[in-house]
């Protein structure tokens, strides 16, 4: 059913009627309605819900701490190269749209929009970071320290 959930998440946002989704996916309409409601609730709530999302948020917040106009300008060539690499292997409308949004933010040099995407706990922020082009921006020691902080946080230390 995970594939069904993924398809639903992609199609619900496009406005396709629930009845049509049920027919196309060959599942009962009640299942589609329940999953559509759950998807919409998650969109509204937008909380970081798992360790992977938490780790990603911590790493991106670290980047936000270094972010200013000069840093974004220095990072831009690497980010654009990462976007090209990701674009060649990412599929699905939401991810492709998010890559386009990343490219718009970076090419515009929009520091505040970048900061918002890097730190947002909303579902939109989480989904943008799923296709983050920020790989290779922070050094490995800083990255490792951030990941250790998440690990100890999970242990209650």
Foldseek 3Di string as FASTA:
>chain_A
DVVLLVVLLQVVVVPDDLVVSCVVVVHDSVVSVVSSVVSVVLQVVLAQDDLVLVLQLLVLLVVLVVDDLVLLVVCLVQLVVLLVVLVVPDDGDLLNVLSVVVVVCSVVSPRVVSSCLSNPSGNNSSSSSVSGSCPPSDDPVVSVVSSVVSVVVVVVD
